[in-house]
């Protein structure tokens, strides 16, 4: 099993509270404030590691919190800082805000590190507030909460499409960092012939160099007779669907040039979105009209022509036509 998408709720550590304390020393009858500051909360960092090939470690670990800072102590002792948390992720990971879809960071370099949630600062002890006019402050401040966020990765609608074509239920979410393994389904045609279809986790740039999931999913593609390139039309993101299609073709060629000899379809998904038709028209202008299908997998529109084309291509591949 390999995981290429998860949604994570991240919370940095809270800063420790400052404390109220007083000096208690022999021969110093008046004493004085001696409350120490709280420690800083631990921050959360994302770091790429070439030894990590999937997000499997986070499949059952969706809520992640860094360590809180410790409260201060007497004698002006500062509390211990919370330990920073480093989350290892594969090269090629794209991190987005799970609520807005905004791209937060694109991890393309080995060892690339990014502080995604900063730890809260520690509170101040009462010794911090001593002054010439206020020599016995009887108050302190609490530590600040750490930053928190929910992050994930968008999907192109592959799971939705396979569920509509094969009439099966697969795990679907609008923004997962949810395909846990290739989903399989059977498409049955009017003549009672059937084909097996597989939802392969998405390919990232330089996958042929074993980045991201790398060879883990490219090996699955070798066994197919027909390929379907599912391209998301995302009008509100700085993406060019045609350039993404070319990237997919390059990665297949770099891994095994014979993959480009397989029959294929190009499916432009989410055509129901505002502004998507303009992107689709641009794609067709760059590529041409042949074997291009505009659909909304979520709405179930435009699927019948795809089924017909899949049946024809599959039949041709079996008979060497």
C-alpha atoms as a PDB file:
ATOM      1  CA  UNK A   1       0.000   0.000   0.000  1.00  0.00           C
ATOM      2  CA  UNK A   2       1.153   3.511  -0.709  1.00  0.00           C
ATOM      3  CA  UNK A   3      -0.447   6.834   0.149  1.00  0.00           C
ATOM      4  CA  UNK A   4      -0.061   9.875  -2.065  1.00  0.00           C
ATOM      5  CA  UNK A   5      -2.677  12.142  -0.467  1.00  0.00           C
ATOM      6  CA  UNK A   6      -3.597  13.033   3.082  1.00  0.00           C
ATOM      7  CA  UNK A   7      -5.273  15.865   4.935  1.00  0.00           C
ATOM      8  CA  UNK A   8      -3.466  16.936   8.084  1.00  0.00           C
ATOM      9  CA  UNK A   9      -4.547  19.127  10.990  1.00  0.00           C
ATOM     10  CA  UNK A  10      -1.388  20.671  12.428  1.00  0.00           C
ATOM     11  CA  UNK A  11      -1.009  22.595  15.682  1.00  0.00           C
ATOM     12  CA  UNK A  12       2.214  24.097  16.990  1.00  0.00           C
ATOM     13  CA  UNK A  13       2.880  24.028  20.722  1.00  0.00           C
ATOM     14  CA  UNK A  14       1.474  26.593  23.140  1.00  0.00           C
ATOM     15  CA  UNK A  15       3.917  28.812  24.961  1.00  0.00           C
ATOM     16  CA  UNK A  16       4.366  28.083  28.668  1.00  0.00           C
ATOM     17  CA  UNK A  17       2.822  30.444  31.190  1.00  0.00           C
ATOM     18  CA  UNK A  18       4.858  32.941  33.143  1.00  0.00           C
ATOM     19  CA  UNK A  19       4.652  32.571  36.938  1.00  0.00           C
ATOM     20  CA  UNK A  20       4.420  34.690  40.051  1.00  0.00           C
ATOM     21  CA  UNK A  21       7.209  33.986  42.542  1.00  0.00           C
ATOM     22  CA  UNK A  22       9.149  35.859  45.216  1.00  0.00           C
ATOM     23  CA  UNK A  23      12.660  35.801  46.480  1.00  0.00           C
ATOM     24  CA  UNK A  24      13.003  34.144  49.877  1.00  0.00           C
ATOM     25  CA  UNK A  25      16.572  34.678  50.995  1.00  0.00           C
ATOM     26  CA  UNK A  26      18.058  35.094  54.428  1.00  0.00           C
ATOM     27  CA  UNK A  27      18.944  38.657  55.394  1.00  0.00           C
ATOM     28  CA  UNK A  28      16.824  40.031  52.483  1.00  0.00           C
ATOM     29  CA  UNK A  29      13.599  40.811  54.330  1.00  0.00           C
ATOM     30  CA  UNK A  30      11.851  42.631  51.482  1.00  0.00           C
ATOM     31  CA  UNK A  31      12.561  39.964  48.860  1.00  0.00           C
ATOM     32  CA  UNK A  32      11.329  40.810  45.379  1.00  0.00           C
ATOM     33  CA  UNK A  33       9.651  39.356  42.269  1.00  0.00           C
ATOM     34  CA  UNK A  34      11.405  36.267  40.921  1.00  0.00           C
ATOM     35  CA  UNK A  35       8.872  34.610  38.591  1.00  0.00           C
ATOM     36  CA  UNK A  36      10.420  33.247  35.389  1.00  0.00           C
ATOM     37  CA  UNK A  37       9.106  33.329  31.813  1.00  0.00           C
ATOM     38  CA  UNK A  38       7.423  30.367  30.144  1.00  0.00           C
ATOM     39  CA  UNK A  39       9.179  28.444  27.399  1.00  0.00           C
ATOM     40  CA  UNK A  40       8.364  28.797  23.703  1.00  0.00           C
ATOM     41  CA  UNK A  41       6.045  26.216  22.140  1.00  0.00           C
ATOM     42  CA  UNK A  42       7.468  23.795  19.590  1.00  0.00           C
ATOM     43  CA  UNK A  43       7.098  24.683  15.900  1.00  0.00           C
ATOM     44  CA  UNK A  44       6.191  22.277  13.085  1.00  0.00           C
ATOM     45  CA  UNK A  45       8.411  21.983  10.028  1.00  0.00           C
ATOM     46  CA  UNK A  46       7.973  20.058   6.786  1.00  0.00           C
ATOM     47  CA  UNK A  47      11.179  18.645   5.323  1.00  0.00           C
ATOM     48  CA  UNK A  48      11.748  16.579   2.182  1.00  0.00           C
ATOM     49  CA  UNK A  49      13.578  13.289   2.552  1.00  0.00           C
ATOM     50  CA  UNK A  50      14.675  11.207  -0.498  1.00  0.00           C
ATOM     51  CA  UNK A  51      14.172   8.051   1.578  1.00  0.00           C
ATOM     52  CA  UNK A  52      10.459   8.818   1.991  1.00  0.00           C
ATOM     53  CA  UNK A  53       8.449   7.698  -1.044  1.00  0.00           C
ATOM     54  CA  UNK A  54       4.861   8.176   0.143  1.00  0.00           C
ATOM     55  CA  UNK A  55       2.737   9.685   2.892  1.00  0.00           C
ATOM     56  CA  UNK A  56       1.995   6.303   4.444  1.00  0.00           C
ATOM     57  CA  UNK A  57       3.244   7.435   7.865  1.00  0.00           C
ATOM     58  CA  UNK A  58       0.405   9.964   8.041  1.00  0.00           C
ATOM     59  CA  UNK A  59      -2.439   7.689   6.901  1.00  0.00           C
ATOM     60  CA  UNK A  60      -3.594   7.101  10.483  1.00  0.00           C
ATOM     61  CA  UNK A  61      -2.024  10.207  11.964  1.00  0.00           C
ATOM     62  CA  UNK A  62      -4.155  13.081  10.750  1.00  0.00           C
ATOM     63  CA  UNK A  63      -3.981  15.320  13.861  1.00  0.00           C
ATOM     64  CA  UNK A  64      -0.428  16.321  14.736  1.00  0.00           C
ATOM     65  CA  UNK A  65       0.594  18.604  17.597  1.00  0.00           C
ATOM     66  CA  UNK A  66       3.992  19.897  18.615  1.00  0.00           C
ATOM     67  CA  UNK A  67       5.115  19.982  22.238  1.00  0.00           C
ATOM     68  CA  UNK A  68       3.987  22.812  24.505  1.00  0.00           C
ATOM     69  CA  UNK A  69       6.477  25.025  26.279  1.00  0.00           C
ATOM     70  CA  UNK A  70       6.910  24.515  30.026  1.00  0.00           C
ATOM     71  CA  UNK A  71       5.827  27.173  32.553  1.00  0.00           C
ATOM     72  CA  UNK A  72       8.431  29.320  34.243  1.00  0.00           C
ATOM     73  CA  UNK A  73       9.637  28.777  37.815  1.00  0.00           C
ATOM     74  CA  UNK A  74      10.959  30.720  40.781  1.00  0.00           C
ATOM     75  CA  UNK A  75      14.406  32.295  40.929  1.00  0.00           C
ATOM     76  CA  UNK A  76      13.788  33.765  37.489  1.00  0.00           C
ATOM     77  CA  UNK A  77      14.041  30.309  35.909  1.00  0.00           C
ATOM     78  CA  UNK A  78      12.679  30.159  32.380  1.00  0.00           C
ATOM     79  CA  UNK A  79      10.531  27.193  31.359  1.00  0.00           C
ATOM     80  CA  UNK A  80      11.887  24.676  28.859  1.00  0.00           C
ATOM     81  CA  UNK A  81      11.044  25.278  25.212  1.00  0.00           C
ATOM     82  CA  UNK A  82       8.781  22.764  23.506  1.00  0.00           C
ATOM     83  CA  UNK A  83      10.580  20.453  21.083  1.00  0.00           C
ATOM     84  CA  UNK A  84      10.224  21.359  17.397  1.00  0.00           C
ATOM     85  CA  UNK A  85       8.559  18.734  15.217  1.00  0.00           C
ATOM     86  CA  UNK A  86       9.959  17.820  11.786  1.00  0.00           C
ATOM     87  CA  UNK A  87       7.610  15.949   9.440  1.00  0.00           C
ATOM     88  CA  UNK A  88       9.374  14.108   6.628  1.00  0.00           C
ATOM     89  CA  UNK A  89       7.610  14.187   3.264  1.00  0.00           C
ATOM     90  CA  UNK A  90       8.465  12.942  -0.249  1.00  0.00           C
ATOM     91  CA  UNK A  91      10.027  15.097  -2.919  1.00  0.00           C
ATOM     92  CA  UNK A  92       7.335  16.535  -5.155  1.00  0.00           C
ATOM     93  CA  UNK A  93       4.834  17.122  -2.368  1.00  0.00           C
ATOM     94  CA  UNK A  94       2.513  20.038  -3.041  1.00  0.00           C
ATOM     95  CA  UNK A  95       0.955  21.545   0.092  1.00  0.00           C
ATOM     96  CA  UNK A  96      -2.291  23.491  -0.072  1.00  0.00           C
ATOM     97  CA  UNK A  97      -4.638  25.110   2.404  1.00  0.00           C
ATOM     98  CA  UNK A  98      -7.390  22.525   2.765  1.00  0.00           C
ATOM     99  CA  UNK A  99     -10.109  25.162   3.020  1.00  0.00           C
ATOM    100  CA  UNK A 100      -9.164  27.640   0.287  1.00  0.00           C
ATOM    101  CA  UNK A 101      -7.050  25.510  -2.050  1.00  0.00           C
ATOM    102  CA  UNK A 102      -4.278  28.122  -1.967  1.00  0.00           C
ATOM    103  CA  UNK A 103      -0.839  26.695  -2.702  1.00  0.00           C
ATOM    104  CA  UNK A 104       1.297  27.102   0.407  1.00  0.00           C
ATOM    105  CA  UNK A 105       4.515  25.429  -0.693  1.00  0.00           C
ATOM    106  CA  UNK A 106       5.886  23.204  -3.458  1.00  0.00           C
ATOM    107  CA  UNK A 107       8.660  20.877  -2.284  1.00  0.00           C
ATOM    108  CA  UNK A 108      11.025  20.218  -5.171  1.00  0.00           C
ATOM    109  CA  UNK A 109      14.476  20.089  -3.522  1.00  0.00           C
ATOM    110  CA  UNK A 110      16.082  17.469  -1.294  1.00  0.00           C
ATOM    111  CA  UNK A 111      16.242  18.688   2.299  1.00  0.00           C
ATOM    112  CA  UNK A 112      13.883  21.598   1.594  1.00  0.00           C
ATOM    113  CA  UNK A 113      12.508  22.784   4.935  1.00  0.00           C
ATOM    114  CA  UNK A 114       9.567  25.036   5.708  1.00  0.00           C
ATOM    115  CA  UNK A 115       8.113  26.151   9.027  1.00  0.00           C
ATOM    116  CA  UNK A 116       4.411  25.582   8.514  1.00  0.00           C
ATOM    117  CA  UNK A 117       3.258  26.356  12.089  1.00  0.00           C
ATOM    118  CA  UNK A 118       5.184  28.584  14.505  1.00  0.00           C
ATOM    119  CA  UNK A 119       5.158  27.786  18.196  1.00  0.00           C
ATOM    120  CA  UNK A 120       3.570  30.226  20.615  1.00  0.00           C
ATOM    121  CA  UNK A 121       5.790  32.547  22.638  1.00  0.00           C
ATOM    122  CA  UNK A 122       6.061  31.999  26.368  1.00  0.00           C
ATOM    123  CA  UNK A 123       4.323  34.186  28.917  1.00  0.00           C
ATOM    124  CA  UNK A 124       6.211  36.640  31.118  1.00  0.00           C
ATOM    125  CA  UNK A 125       6.876  36.068  34.798  1.00  0.00           C
ATOM    126  CA  UNK A 126       6.233  38.775  37.373  1.00  0.00           C
ATOM    127  CA  UNK A 127       9.914  39.715  37.574  1.00  0.00           C
ATOM    128  CA  UNK A 128       9.537  41.154  34.071  1.00  0.00           C
ATOM    129  CA  UNK A 129       7.194  43.814  35.370  1.00  0.00           C
ATOM    130  CA  UNK A 130       9.336  45.158  38.204  1.00  0.00           C
ATOM    131  CA  UNK A 131      10.077  48.875  37.978  1.00  0.00           C
ATOM    132  CA  UNK A 132      11.116  51.744  40.225  1.00  0.00           C
ATOM    133  CA  UNK A 133       7.492  52.590  40.808  1.00  0.00           C
ATOM    134  CA  UNK A 134       6.156  49.034  40.912  1.00  0.00           C
ATOM    135  CA  UNK A 135       8.557  46.898  42.911  1.00  0.00           C
ATOM    136  CA  UNK A 136       6.168  44.078  43.806  1.00  0.00           C
ATOM    137  CA  UNK A 137       4.109  43.225  40.705  1.00  0.00           C
ATOM    138  CA  UNK A 138       1.599  40.513  41.523  1.00  0.00           C
ATOM    139  CA  UNK A 139       0.785  39.414  37.979  1.00  0.00           C
ATOM    140  CA  UNK A 140       2.206  37.497  35.050  1.00  0.00           C
ATOM    141  CA  UNK A 141       1.046  36.634  31.523  1.00  0.00           C
ATOM    142  CA  UNK A 142      -0.048  33.387  29.875  1.00  0.00           C
ATOM    143  CA  UNK A 143       1.780  31.791  26.975  1.00  0.00           C
ATOM    144  CA  UNK A 144       0.437  32.377  23.465  1.00  0.00           C
ATOM    145  CA  UNK A 145      -1.153  29.527  21.489  1.00  0.00           C
ATOM    146  CA  UNK A 146       0.834  28.108  18.601  1.00  0.00           C
ATOM    147  CA  UNK A 147      -0.261  28.483  15.001  1.00  0.00           C
ATOM    148  CA  UNK A 148      -2.540  25.820  13.528  1.00  0.00           C
ATOM    149  CA  UNK A 149      -3.681  24.934  10.030  1.00  0.00           C
ATOM    150  CA  UNK A 150      -5.307  22.226   7.950  1.00  0.00           C
ATOM    151  CA  UNK A 151      -3.418  21.278   4.832  1.00  0.00           C
ATOM    152  CA  UNK A 152      -3.983  18.871   1.994  1.00  0.00           C
ATOM    153  CA  UNK A 153      -3.606  18.247  -1.730  1.00  0.00           C
ATOM    154  CA  UNK A 154      -6.276  18.625  -4.422  1.00  0.00           C
ATOM    155  CA  UNK A 155      -7.322  15.754  -6.636  1.00  0.00           C
ATOM    156  CA  UNK A 156      -8.221  15.795 -10.311  1.00  0.00           C
ATOM    157  CA  UNK A 157     -11.388  13.738  -9.836  1.00  0.00           C
ATOM    158  CA  UNK A 158     -10.001  10.279 -10.686  1.00  0.00           C
ATOM    159  CA  UNK A 159     -11.818   8.554  -7.827  1.00  0.00           C
ATOM    160  CA  UNK A 160     -15.062  10.304  -8.742  1.00  0.00           C
ATOM    161  CA  UNK A 161     -14.729   9.269 -12.401  1.00  0.00           C
ATOM    162  CA  UNK A 162     -14.063   5.610 -11.661  1.00  0.00           C
ATOM    163  CA  UNK A 163     -16.996   5.504  -9.235  1.00  0.00           C
ATOM    164  CA  UNK A 164     -19.315   6.803 -11.975  1.00  0.00           C
ATOM    165  CA  UNK A 165     -18.009   4.549 -14.763  1.00  0.00           C
ATOM    166  CA  UNK A 166     -17.829   1.363 -12.710  1.00  0.00           C
ATOM    167  CA  UNK A 167     -20.712   2.090 -10.316  1.00  0.00           C
ATOM    168  CA  UNK A 168     -18.586   1.402  -7.267  1.00  0.00           C
ATOM    169  CA  UNK A 169     -18.019   3.325  -4.058  1.00  0.00           C
ATOM    170  CA  UNK A 170     -14.487   4.599  -3.521  1.00  0.00           C
ATOM    171  CA  UNK A 171     -13.146   6.989  -0.914  1.00  0.00           C
ATOM    172  CA  UNK A 172     -13.473  10.525  -2.258  1.00  0.00           C
ATOM    173  CA  UNK A 173     -12.685  13.901  -0.721  1.00  0.00           C
ATOM    174  CA  UNK A 174     -12.529  17.375  -2.255  1.00  0.00           C
ATOM    175  CA  UNK A 175      -8.995  18.213  -1.131  1.00  0.00           C
ATOM    176  CA  UNK A 176      -7.035  15.276   0.225  1.00  0.00           C
ATOM    177  CA  UNK A 177      -2.723  15.203   0.795  1.00  0.00           C
ATOM    178  CA  UNK A 178      -7.532  10.102  -0.394  1.00  0.00           C
ATOM    179  CA  UNK A 179      -6.446   7.563  -2.956  1.00  0.00           C
ATOM    180  CA  UNK A 180      -4.771   5.041  -0.652  1.00  0.00           C
ATOM    181  CA  UNK A 181      -4.127   2.445  -3.338  1.00  0.00           C
ATOM    182  CA  UNK A 182      -5.123   1.976  -6.999  1.00  0.00           C
ATOM    183  CA  UNK A 183      -8.910   1.637  -7.019  1.00  0.00           C
ATOM    184  CA  UNK A 184     -10.219  -1.102  -9.315  1.00  0.00           C
ATOM    185  CA  UNK A 185     -13.619  -1.374 -10.973  1.00  0.00           C
ATOM    186  CA  UNK A 186     -15.392  -3.221 -13.789  1.00  0.00           C
ATOM    187  CA  UNK A 187     -17.083  -1.290 -16.613  1.00  0.00           C
ATOM    188  CA  UNK A 188     -19.794  -3.351 -18.333  1.00  0.00           C
ATOM    189  CA  UNK A 189     -21.048  -2.452 -21.804  1.00  0.00           C
ATOM    190  CA  UNK A 190     -24.364  -3.005 -23.572  1.00  0.00           C
ATOM    191  CA  UNK A 191     -23.000  -6.114 -25.337  1.00  0.00           C
ATOM    192  CA  UNK A 192     -22.067  -7.509 -21.889  1.00  0.00           C
ATOM    193  CA  UNK A 193     -18.348  -7.199 -22.565  1.00  0.00           C
ATOM    194  CA  UNK A 194     -16.377  -5.830 -19.647  1.00  0.00           C
ATOM    195  CA  UNK A 195     -13.073  -4.102 -18.938  1.00  0.00           C
ATOM    196  CA  UNK A 196     -11.134  -3.590 -15.725  1.00  0.00           C
ATOM    197  CA  UNK A 197     -10.212   0.019 -14.940  1.00  0.00           C
ATOM    198  CA  UNK A 198      -7.748   1.242 -12.330  1.00  0.00           C
ATOM    199  CA  UNK A 199      -7.457   4.651 -10.670  1.00  0.00           C
ATOM    200  CA  UNK A 200      -3.709   5.253 -10.411  1.00  0.00           C
ATOM    201  CA  UNK A 201      -2.487   7.923  -7.936  1.00  0.00           C
ATOM    202  CA  UNK A 202      -1.429  11.089  -9.720  1.00  0.00           C
ATOM    203  CA  UNK A 203       1.968  11.533 -11.363  1.00  0.00           C
ATOM    204  CA  UNK A 204       4.214  14.401 -10.305  1.00  0.00           C
ATOM    205  CA  UNK A 205       7.036  15.997 -12.254  1.00  0.00           C
ATOM    206  CA  UNK A 206      10.241  13.915 -12.166  1.00  0.00           C
ATOM    207  CA  UNK A 207       8.322  10.812 -11.112  1.00  0.00           C
ATOM    208  CA  UNK A 208      10.488   8.931 -13.620  1.00  0.00           C
ATOM    209  CA  UNK A 209      13.446   9.785 -11.345  1.00  0.00           C
ATOM    210  CA  UNK A 210      11.564   8.069  -8.510  1.00  0.00           C
ATOM    211  CA  UNK A 211      10.406  11.306  -6.938  1.00  0.00           C
ATOM    212  CA  UNK A 212       7.142  11.344  -5.043  1.00  0.00           C
ATOM    213  CA  UNK A 213       5.734   7.840  -5.440  1.00  0.00           C
ATOM    214  CA  UNK A 214       8.021   7.339  -8.449  1.00  0.00           C
ATOM    215  CA  UNK A 215       8.222   3.758  -9.667  1.00  0.00           C
ATOM    216  CA  UNK A 216       5.541   2.634  -7.209  1.00  0.00           C
ATOM    217  CA  UNK A 217       2.747   3.666  -9.554  1.00  0.00           C
ATOM    218  CA  UNK A 218       4.522   3.824 -12.925  1.00  0.00           C
ATOM    219  CA  UNK A 219       4.875   0.044 -12.679  1.00  0.00           C
ATOM    220  CA  UNK A 220       1.083  -0.231 -12.576  1.00  0.00           C
ATOM    221  CA  UNK A 221       0.790   1.757 -15.808  1.00  0.00           C
ATOM    222  CA  UNK A 222       2.974  -0.770 -17.662  1.00  0.00           C
ATOM    223  CA  UNK A 223       0.240  -3.387 -17.315  1.00  0.00           C
ATOM    224  CA  UNK A 224      -2.560  -1.350 -18.885  1.00  0.00           C
ATOM    225  CA  UNK A 225      -3.807  -1.662 -22.464  1.00  0.00           C
ATOM    226  CA  UNK A 226      -5.391   1.814 -22.674  1.00  0.00           C
ATOM    227  CA  UNK A 227      -4.464   5.023 -20.843  1.00  0.00           C
ATOM    228  CA  UNK A 228      -6.798   7.828 -19.784  1.00  0.00           C
ATOM    229  CA  UNK A 229      -5.163  11.167 -19.020  1.00  0.00           C
ATOM    230  CA  UNK A 230      -7.507  12.935 -16.605  1.00  0.00           C
ATOM    231  CA  UNK A 231      -6.721  16.651 -16.548  1.00  0.00           C
ATOM    232  CA  UNK A 232      -8.368  18.979 -14.041  1.00  0.00           C
ATOM    233  CA  UNK A 233      -9.659  22.303 -15.292  1.00  0.00           C
ATOM    234  CA  UNK A 234      -8.870  24.630 -12.396  1.00  0.00           C
ATOM    235  CA  UNK A 235      -9.689  28.224 -13.428  1.00  0.00           C
ATOM    236  CA  UNK A 236      -8.811  29.718 -10.053  1.00  0.00           C
ATOM    237  CA  UNK A 237      -5.313  28.264  -9.821  1.00  0.00           C
ATOM    238  CA  UNK A 238      -2.156  29.286 -11.647  1.00  0.00           C
ATOM    239  CA  UNK A 239      -1.992  26.097 -13.685  1.00  0.00           C
ATOM    240  CA  UNK A 240      -1.995  25.375 -17.404  1.00  0.00           C
ATOM    241  CA  UNK A 241      -3.872  22.100 -18.081  1.00  0.00           C
ATOM    242  CA  UNK A 242      -2.069  21.630 -21.387  1.00  0.00           C
ATOM    243  CA  UNK A 243       1.343  21.995 -19.736  1.00  0.00           C
ATOM    244  CA  UNK A 244       0.285  19.410 -17.144  1.00  0.00           C
ATOM    245  CA  UNK A 245      -0.646  17.022 -19.955  1.00  0.00           C
ATOM    246  CA  UNK A 246       2.766  17.515 -21.574  1.00  0.00           C
ATOM    247  CA  UNK A 247       4.439  16.888 -18.211  1.00  0.00           C
ATOM    248  CA  UNK A 248       2.569  13.590 -17.854  1.00  0.00           C
ATOM    249  CA  UNK A 249       3.672  12.543 -21.336  1.00  0.00           C
ATOM    250  CA  UNK A 250       7.283  13.472 -20.583  1.00  0.00           C
ATOM    251  CA  UNK A 251       7.328  11.413 -17.384  1.00  0.00           C
ATOM    252  CA  UNK A 252       5.872   8.376 -19.129  1.00  0.00           C
ATOM    253  CA  UNK A 253       8.414   8.691 -21.922  1.00  0.00           C
ATOM    254  CA  UNK A 254      11.318   9.115 -19.490  1.00  0.00           C
ATOM    255  CA  UNK A 255      10.240   5.993 -17.600  1.00  0.00           C
ATOM    256  CA  UNK A 256       9.469   3.861 -20.663  1.00  0.00           C
ATOM    257  CA  UNK A 257       9.025   5.369 -24.140  1.00  0.00           C
ATOM    258  CA  UNK A 258       6.845   2.405 -25.152  1.00  0.00           C
ATOM    259  CA  UNK A 259       4.132   3.680 -22.829  1.00  0.00           C
ATOM    260  CA  UNK A 260       3.446   6.476 -25.322  1.00  0.00           C
ATOM    261  CA  UNK A 261       2.600   3.861 -27.934  1.00  0.00           C
ATOM    262  CA  UNK A 262      -0.422   2.723 -25.946  1.00  0.00           C
ATOM    263  CA  UNK A 263      -3.820   3.986 -27.127  1.00  0.00           C
ATOM    264  CA  UNK A 264      -5.131   6.755 -24.923  1.00  0.00           C
ATOM    265  CA  UNK A 265      -7.895   9.267 -24.250  1.00  0.00           C
ATOM    266  CA  UNK A 266      -7.650  12.793 -22.871  1.00  0.00           C
ATOM    267  CA  UNK A 267     -10.406  13.692 -20.409  1.00  0.00           C
ATOM    268  CA  UNK A 268     -10.859  17.281 -19.256  1.00  0.00           C
ATOM    269  CA  UNK A 269     -12.698  17.174 -15.941  1.00  0.00           C
ATOM    270  CA  UNK A 270     -14.700  19.769 -13.985  1.00  0.00           C
ATOM    271  CA  UNK A 271     -16.033  21.435 -17.127  1.00  0.00           C
ATOM    272  CA  UNK A 272     -18.977  22.616 -14.991  1.00  0.00           C
ATOM    273  CA  UNK A 273     -16.747  25.068 -13.119  1.00  0.00           C
ATOM    274  CA  UNK A 274     -16.880  28.749 -13.974  1.00  0.00           C
ATOM    275  CA  UNK A 275     -14.095  29.609 -16.417  1.00  0.00           C
ATOM    276  CA  UNK A 276     -13.326  25.940 -17.194  1.00  0.00           C
ATOM    277  CA  UNK A 277     -14.590  26.113 -20.783  1.00  0.00           C
ATOM    278  CA  UNK A 278     -12.001  28.766 -21.630  1.00  0.00           C
ATOM    279  CA  UNK A 279      -9.244  26.465 -20.375  1.00  0.00           C
ATOM    280  CA  UNK A 280     -10.721  23.556 -22.335  1.00  0.00           C
ATOM    281  CA  UNK A 281     -10.787  25.637 -25.534  1.00  0.00           C
ATOM    282  CA  UNK A 282      -7.142  26.621 -24.956  1.00  0.00           C
ATOM    283  CA  UNK A 283      -6.219  22.955 -24.473  1.00  0.00           C
ATOM    284  CA  UNK A 284      -7.943  21.905 -27.713  1.00  0.00           C
ATOM    285  CA  UNK A 285      -6.307  24.768 -29.607  1.00  0.00           C
ATOM    286  CA  UNK A 286      -2.861  23.565 -28.465  1.00  0.00           C
ATOM    287  CA  UNK A 287      -3.507  19.847 -28.829  1.00  0.00           C
ATOM    288  CA  UNK A 288      -6.280  19.346 -31.388  1.00  0.00           C
ATOM    289  CA  UNK A 289      -9.730  17.794 -31.180  1.00  0.00           C
ATOM    290  CA  UNK A 290      -8.999  14.060 -31.448  1.00  0.00           C
ATOM    291  CA  UNK A 291      -9.758  11.828 -28.449  1.00  0.00           C
ATOM    292  CA  UNK A 292     -10.578  14.763 -26.128  1.00  0.00           C
ATOM    293  CA  UNK A 293     -13.596  14.532 -23.852  1.00  0.00           C
ATOM    294  CA  UNK A 294     -15.066  17.269 -21.675  1.00  0.00           C
ATOM    295  CA  UNK A 295     -16.836  15.960 -18.577  1.00  0.00           C
ATOM    296  CA  UNK A 296     -17.990  16.686 -15.073  1.00  0.00           C
ATOM    297  CA  UNK A 297     -17.328  13.497 -13.137  1.00  0.00           C
ATOM    298  CA  UNK A 298     -19.145  14.913 -10.121  1.00  0.00           C
ATOM    299  CA  UNK A 299     -22.285  15.722 -12.122  1.00  0.00           C
ATOM    300  CA  UNK A 300     -21.970  12.553 -14.238  1.00  0.00           C
ATOM    301  CA  UNK A 301     -22.083  14.444 -17.543  1.00  0.00           C
ATOM    302  CA  UNK A 302     -20.188  13.464 -20.696  1.00  0.00           C
ATOM    303  CA  UNK A 303     -19.401   9.910 -19.528  1.00  0.00           C
ATOM    304  CA  UNK A 304     -21.166   7.824 -22.213  1.00  0.00           C
ATOM    305  CA  UNK A 305     -18.794   8.908 -25.039  1.00  0.00           C
ATOM    306  CA  UNK A 306     -15.831   7.946 -22.829  1.00  0.00           C
ATOM    307  CA  UNK A 307     -17.246   4.457 -22.258  1.00  0.00           C
ATOM    308  CA  UNK A 308     -17.755   4.010 -26.014  1.00  0.00           C
ATOM    309  CA  UNK A 309     -14.219   5.171 -26.787  1.00  0.00           C
ATOM    310  CA  UNK A 310     -12.746   2.910 -24.077  1.00  0.00           C
ATOM    311  CA  UNK A 311     -14.598  -0.078 -25.503  1.00  0.00           C
ATOM    312  CA  UNK A 312     -13.342   0.618 -29.029  1.00  0.00           C
ATOM    313  CA  UNK A 313      -9.724   1.213 -27.979  1.00  0.00           C
ATOM    314  CA  UNK A 314      -9.680  -1.831 -25.711  1.00  0.00           C
ATOM    315  CA  UNK A 315     -11.122  -4.004 -28.511  1.00  0.00           C
ATOM    316  CA  UNK A 316      -8.540  -2.667 -30.964  1.00  0.00           C
ATOM    317  CA  UNK A 317      -5.650  -3.330 -28.557  1.00  0.00           C
ATOM    318  CA  UNK A 318      -6.765  -6.921 -28.030  1.00  0.00           C
ATOM    319  CA  UNK A 319      -6.947  -7.614 -31.754  1.00  0.00           C
ATOM    320  CA  UNK A 320      -3.872  -5.647 -32.729  1.00  0.00           C
ATOM    321  CA  UNK A 321      -5.817  -3.211 -34.862  1.00  0.00           C
END
